C-alpha atoms as a PDB file:
ATOM      1  CA  MET A   1     107.910 106.601 126.137  1.00  0.00           C
ATOM      2  CA  SER A   2     106.729 105.357 122.794  1.00  0.00           C
ATOM      3  CA  LEU A   3     103.551 104.616 120.916  1.00  0.00           C
ATOM      4  CA  LEU A   4     102.716 100.938 120.583  1.00  0.00           C
ATOM      5  CA  PRO A   5     100.884  99.391 117.618  1.00  0.00           C
ATOM      6  CA  ILE A   6      97.314  98.397 118.522  1.00  0.00           C
ATOM      7  CA  LEU A   7      96.164  95.020 117.210  1.00  0.00           C
ATOM      8  CA  ARG A   8      93.008  95.162 115.100  1.00  0.00           C
ATOM      9  CA  TYR A   9      90.131  92.698 115.238  1.00  0.00           C
ATOM     10  CA  PRO A  10      90.036  89.927 113.960  1.00  0.00           C
ATOM     11  CA  ASP A  11      93.767  89.479 114.651  1.00  0.00           C
ATOM     12  CA  PRO A  12      94.022  86.074 116.397  1.00  0.00           C
ATOM     13  CA  ARG A  13      96.518  87.491 118.924  1.00  0.00           C
ATOM     14  CA  LEU A  14      93.559  89.319 120.508  1.00  0.00           C
ATOM     15  CA  ASN A  15      92.267  85.892 121.566  1.00  0.00           C
ATOM     16  CA  LYS A  16      95.366  84.951 123.569  1.00  0.00           C
ATOM     17  CA  ILE A  17      94.868  84.680 127.319  1.00  0.00           C
ATOM     18  CA  ALA A  18      97.217  86.950 129.269  1.00  0.00           C
ATOM     19  CA  ARG A  19      99.461  85.464 131.927  1.00  0.00           C
ATOM     20  CA  PRO A  20      99.912  87.033 135.375  1.00  0.00           C
ATOM     21  CA  VAL A  21     102.688  89.547 135.920  1.00  0.00           C
ATOM     22  CA  ILE A  22     105.277  87.834 138.137  1.00  0.00           C
ATOM     23  CA  GLN A  23     107.162  90.967 139.168  1.00  0.00           C
ATOM     24  CA  VAL A  24     106.282  94.635 138.819  1.00  0.00           C
ATOM     25  CA  ASP A  25     109.651  95.921 137.648  1.00  0.00           C
ATOM     26  CA  GLU A  26     110.992  98.651 135.368  1.00  0.00           C
ATOM     27  CA  ARG A  27     109.921  96.704 132.255  1.00  0.00           C
ATOM     28  CA  ILE A  28     106.302  96.642 133.464  1.00  0.00           C
ATOM     29  CA  ARG A  29     106.415 100.318 134.498  1.00  0.00           C
ATOM     30  CA  GLN A  30     107.723 101.210 131.023  1.00  0.00           C
ATOM     31  CA  LEU A  31     104.946  99.127 129.449  1.00  0.00           C
ATOM     32  CA  VAL A  32     102.393 101.032 131.560  1.00  0.00           C
ATOM     33  CA  SER A  33     103.845 104.398 130.447  1.00  0.00           C
ATOM     34  CA  ASP A  34     103.843 103.343 126.794  1.00  0.00           C
ATOM     35  CA  MET A  35     100.287 102.026 127.098  1.00  0.00           C
ATOM     36  CA  PHE A  36      99.060 105.329 128.553  1.00  0.00           C
ATOM     37  CA  GLU A  37     100.767 107.275 125.767  1.00  0.00           C
ATOM     38  CA  THR A  38      99.232 104.932 123.164  1.00  0.00           C
ATOM     39  CA  MET A  39      95.752 105.087 124.733  1.00  0.00           C
ATOM     40  CA  TYR A  40      95.735 108.887 125.014  1.00  0.00           C
ATOM     41  CA  GLU A  41      97.028 109.297 121.437  1.00  0.00           C
ATOM     42  CA  ALA A  42      94.254 106.989 120.167  1.00  0.00           C
ATOM     43  CA  ARG A  43      91.670 108.905 122.248  1.00  0.00           C
ATOM     44  CA  GLY A  44      90.696 105.796 124.194  1.00  0.00           C
ATOM     45  CA  ILE A  45      89.622 105.417 127.820  1.00  0.00           C
ATOM     46  CA  GLY A  46      91.137 101.982 128.413  1.00  0.00           C
ATOM     47  CA  LEU A  47      93.783  99.692 126.977  1.00  0.00           C
ATOM     48  CA  ALA A  48      94.774  96.140 127.848  1.00  0.00           C
ATOM     49  CA  ALA A  49      98.296  94.839 127.210  1.00  0.00           C
ATOM     50  CA  THR A  50      96.791  92.141 124.980  1.00  0.00           C
ATOM     51  CA  GLN A  51      95.784  94.880 122.533  1.00  0.00           C
ATOM     52  CA  VAL A  52      99.431  95.881 122.083  1.00  0.00           C
ATOM     53  CA  ASP A  53     100.555  92.247 121.701  1.00  0.00           C
ATOM     54  CA  VAL A  54     101.900  91.892 125.244  1.00  0.00           C
ATOM     55  CA  HIS A  55     100.134  88.951 126.825  1.00  0.00           C
ATOM     56  CA  GLU A  56     100.445  89.861 130.476  1.00  0.00           C
ATOM     57  CA  ARG A  57      97.706  91.005 132.866  1.00  0.00           C
ATOM     58  CA  VAL A  58      98.155  94.796 132.601  1.00  0.00           C
ATOM     59  CA  ILE A  59      95.430  97.409 132.002  1.00  0.00           C
ATOM     60  CA  VAL A  60      95.488 101.202 131.887  1.00  0.00           C
ATOM     61  CA  ILE A  61      92.313 103.293 132.209  1.00  0.00           C
ATOM     62  CA  ASP A  62      91.417 106.968 132.348  1.00  0.00           C
ATOM     63  CA  VAL A  63      87.702 107.790 132.095  1.00  0.00           C
ATOM     64  CA  SER A  64      88.133 111.405 133.269  1.00  0.00           C
ATOM     65  CA  GLU A  65      87.107 114.251 130.963  1.00  0.00           C
ATOM     66  CA  GLU A  66      90.405 116.061 131.664  1.00  0.00           C
ATOM     67  CA  ARG A  67      92.497 112.895 131.007  1.00  0.00           C
ATOM     68  CA  ASN A  68      94.197 113.380 134.369  1.00  0.00           C
ATOM     69  CA  ASP A  69      93.022 110.397 136.435  1.00  0.00           C
ATOM     70  CA  PRO A  70      95.148 107.455 135.243  1.00  0.00           C
ATOM     71  CA  LEU A  71      94.403 104.068 136.740  1.00  0.00           C
ATOM     72  CA  VAL A  72      96.811 101.114 136.507  1.00  0.00           C
ATOM     73  CA  LEU A  73      95.544  97.572 137.052  1.00  0.00           C
ATOM     74  CA  ILE A  74      98.155  94.820 137.176  1.00  0.00           C
ATOM     75  CA  ASN A  75      96.846  91.275 137.730  1.00  0.00           C
ATOM     76  CA  PRO A  76      93.307  92.661 138.240  1.00  0.00           C
ATOM     77  CA  ARG A  77      90.557  90.528 139.700  1.00  0.00           C
ATOM     78  CA  ILE A  78      86.852  91.261 140.100  1.00  0.00           C
ATOM     79  CA  VAL A  79      86.082  90.265 143.677  1.00  0.00           C
ATOM     80  CA  ALA A  80      82.389  91.229 143.607  1.00  0.00           C
ATOM     81  CA  ALA A  81      79.853  92.257 140.980  1.00  0.00           C
ATOM     82  CA  SER A  82      76.354  93.665 141.346  1.00  0.00           C
ATOM     83  CA  GLU A  83      73.342  91.655 140.300  1.00  0.00           C
ATOM     84  CA  GLU A  84      72.093  94.813 138.618  1.00  0.00           C
ATOM     85  CA  MET A  85      73.051  94.949 134.976  1.00  0.00           C
ATOM     86  CA  MET A  86      73.262  97.854 132.540  1.00  0.00           C
ATOM     87  CA  VAL A  87      73.333  98.039 128.759  1.00  0.00           C
ATOM     88  CA  GLY A  88      75.388 100.652 126.951  1.00  0.00           C
ATOM     89  CA  ASP A  89      77.197 101.363 123.716  1.00  0.00           C
ATOM     90  CA  GLU A  90      80.768 100.114 123.706  1.00  0.00           C
ATOM     91  CA  GLY A  91      83.619 100.724 121.347  1.00  0.00           C
ATOM     92  CA  CYS A  92      87.179  99.448 121.277  1.00  0.00           C
ATOM     93  CA  LEU A  93      90.543 100.702 120.053  1.00  0.00           C
ATOM     94  CA  SER A  94      91.012  97.273 118.428  1.00  0.00           C
ATOM     95  CA  VAL A  95      87.703  97.646 116.550  1.00  0.00           C
ATOM     96  CA  PRO A  96      87.836 101.327 115.543  1.00  0.00           C
ATOM     97  CA  THR A  97      84.628 103.179 114.609  1.00  0.00           C
ATOM     98  CA  ILE A  98      82.434 100.216 115.589  1.00  0.00           C
ATOM     99  CA  TYR A  99      80.027 100.653 118.508  1.00  0.00           C
ATOM    100  CA  ASP A 100      77.289  98.376 119.780  1.00  0.00           C
ATOM    101  CA  ARG A 101      75.248  97.651 122.871  1.00  0.00           C
ATOM    102  CA  VAL A 102      76.674  95.268 125.495  1.00  0.00           C
ATOM    103  CA  GLU A 103      75.259  94.215 128.862  1.00  0.00           C
ATOM    104  CA  ARG A 104      77.607  94.549 131.854  1.00  0.00           C
ATOM    105  CA  HIS A 105      77.417  94.535 135.649  1.00  0.00           C
ATOM    106  CA  ALA A 106      76.427  97.991 136.901  1.00  0.00           C
ATOM    107  CA  GLN A 107      79.037  97.857 139.689  1.00  0.00           C
ATOM    108  CA  VAL A 108      82.178  95.846 140.359  1.00  0.00           C
ATOM    109  CA  GLN A 109      84.694  95.657 143.158  1.00  0.00           C
ATOM    110  CA  VAL A 110      88.229  95.191 141.850  1.00  0.00           C
ATOM    111  CA  GLU A 111      91.511  94.133 143.398  1.00  0.00           C
ATOM    112  CA  ALA A 112      94.767  94.852 141.540  1.00  0.00           C
ATOM    113  CA  LEU A 113      98.370  95.932 141.864  1.00  0.00           C
ATOM    114  CA  ASP A 114      99.368  99.514 141.036  1.00  0.00           C
ATOM    115  CA  ARG A 115     102.428 100.539 138.975  1.00  0.00           C
ATOM    116  CA  ASN A 116     104.597 100.071 142.086  1.00  0.00           C
ATOM    117  CA  GLY A 117     103.315  96.570 142.771  1.00  0.00           C
ATOM    118  CA  GLN A 118     101.180  97.654 145.739  1.00  0.00           C
ATOM    119  CA  ARG A 119      97.862  95.857 146.169  1.00  0.00           C
ATOM    120  CA  TYR A 120      94.731  98.021 146.262  1.00  0.00           C
ATOM    121  CA  GLU A 121      90.965  97.671 145.916  1.00  0.00           C
ATOM    122  CA  PHE A 122      88.333  99.976 144.509  1.00  0.00           C
ATOM    123  CA  GLU A 123      84.664  99.999 143.619  1.00  0.00           C
ATOM    124  CA  ALA A 124      83.579 101.054 140.158  1.00  0.00           C
ATOM    125  CA  ASP A 125      80.203 101.950 138.717  1.00  0.00           C
ATOM    126  CA  GLY A 126      78.936 103.530 135.521  1.00  0.00           C
ATOM    127  CA  LEU A 127      81.513 104.075 132.784  1.00  0.00           C
ATOM    128  CA  LEU A 128      84.441 102.945 134.958  1.00  0.00           C
ATOM    129  CA  SER A 129      82.681  99.649 135.723  1.00  0.00           C
ATOM    130  CA  VAL A 130      82.037  99.046 132.015  1.00  0.00           C
ATOM    131  CA  CYS A 131      85.612  99.953 131.114  1.00  0.00           C
ATOM    132  CA  VAL A 132      87.117  97.624 133.739  1.00  0.00           C
ATOM    133  CA  GLN A 133      84.972  94.702 132.562  1.00  0.00           C
ATOM    134  CA  HIS A 134      85.707  95.435 128.886  1.00  0.00           C
ATOM    135  CA  GLU A 135      89.480  95.584 129.445  1.00  0.00           C
ATOM    136  CA  MET A 136      89.482  92.498 131.681  1.00  0.00           C
ATOM    137  CA  ASP A 137      87.740  90.626 128.847  1.00  0.00           C
ATOM    138  CA  HIS A 138      90.768  91.436 126.672  1.00  0.00           C
ATOM    139  CA  LEU A 139      93.016  89.719 129.229  1.00  0.00           C
ATOM    140  CA  LEU A 140      90.837  86.630 128.791  1.00  0.00           C
ATOM    141  CA  GLY A 141      91.181  86.809 125.008  1.00  0.00           C
ATOM    142  CA  LYS A 142      87.687  88.191 124.433  1.00  0.00           C
ATOM    143  CA  VAL A 143      86.745  91.194 122.266  1.00  0.00           C
ATOM    144  CA  PHE A 144      83.430  92.990 122.893  1.00  0.00           C
ATOM    145  CA  VAL A 145      82.039  91.989 119.485  1.00  0.00           C
ATOM    146  CA  GLU A 146      81.892  88.414 120.788  1.00  0.00           C
ATOM    147  CA  TYR A 147      78.863  89.505 122.857  1.00  0.00           C
ATOM    148  CA  LEU A 148      77.004  90.365 119.643  1.00  0.00           C
ATOM    149  CA  SER A 149      74.968  88.061 117.412  1.00  0.00           C
ATOM    150  CA  PRO A 150      76.915  85.883 114.953  1.00  0.00           C
ATOM    151  CA  LEU A 151      75.455  87.931 112.081  1.00  0.00           C
ATOM    152  CA  LYS A 152      76.673  91.259 113.518  1.00  0.00           C
ATOM    153  CA  ARG A 153      80.027  89.746 114.463  1.00  0.00           C
ATOM    154  CA  ASN A 154      80.571  88.388 110.928  1.00  0.00           C
ATOM    155  CA  ARG A 155      79.636  91.742 109.372  1.00  0.00           C
ATOM    156  CA  ILE A 156      82.124  93.535 111.640  1.00  0.00           C
ATOM    157  CA  ARG A 157      84.790  90.922 110.897  1.00  0.00           C
ATOM    158  CA  SER A 158      84.315  91.382 107.141  1.00  0.00           C
ATOM    159  CA  LYS A 159      84.354  95.175 107.458  1.00  0.00           C
ATOM    160  CA  MET A 160      87.559  95.109 109.533  1.00  0.00           C
ATOM    161  CA  ILE A 161      89.304  92.695 107.120  1.00  0.00           C
ATOM    162  CA  LYS A 162      88.335  94.898 104.165  1.00  0.00           C
ATOM    163  CA  ARG A 163      89.465  98.040 105.999  1.00  0.00           C
ATOM    164  CA  GLY A 164      92.791  96.361 106.798  1.00  0.00           C
ATOM    165  CA  ARG A 165      93.277  95.494 103.122  1.00  0.00           C
ATOM    166  CA  ASP A 166      92.351  99.040 102.101  1.00  0.00           C
ATOM    167  CA  ASP A 167      94.870 100.386 104.639  1.00  0.00           C
ATOM    168  CA  GLY A 168      97.537  97.979 103.368  1.00  0.00           C
ATOM    169  CA  GLU A 169      97.573  95.897 106.571  1.00  0.00           C
ATOM    170  CA  SER A 170      97.625  92.128 106.735  1.00  0.00           C
ATOM    171  CA  ALA A 171      94.579  90.747 108.518  1.00  0.00           C
END
């Protein structure tokens, strides 16, 4: 396993739309393992392949306190969403230290493939529901700051570009 570099907003690669995984093979299983290692190291609860510059429909999630309930979503699809909405603070490994309020469906029903390519469905509410929707946005090339006002988004963009320069990164 190895740590993968996480793209930082406003990197344009975060806006690429991920393509479906054609075959769940050893390459995809290795990607999943590397993504979990990267997510846990960064102290995140979810990571989409788009964030590590792999533009395929792969997500890893673990919202458990003990970090022992890993969830793999390959080619995920929301098949139902509640009318009830909830608003909560969201953050993102691609936008470190920035948190803001985003409205999401309170519950979603999801269909996906697991790390062995087996289809499964589950219902999510609360934090898991938010995390699934947030990570699925990444697969569509959308970062959570795009839900914010243009003023907030531009401030965050400027802050992230400056931070990247200060850290010696190219933005």
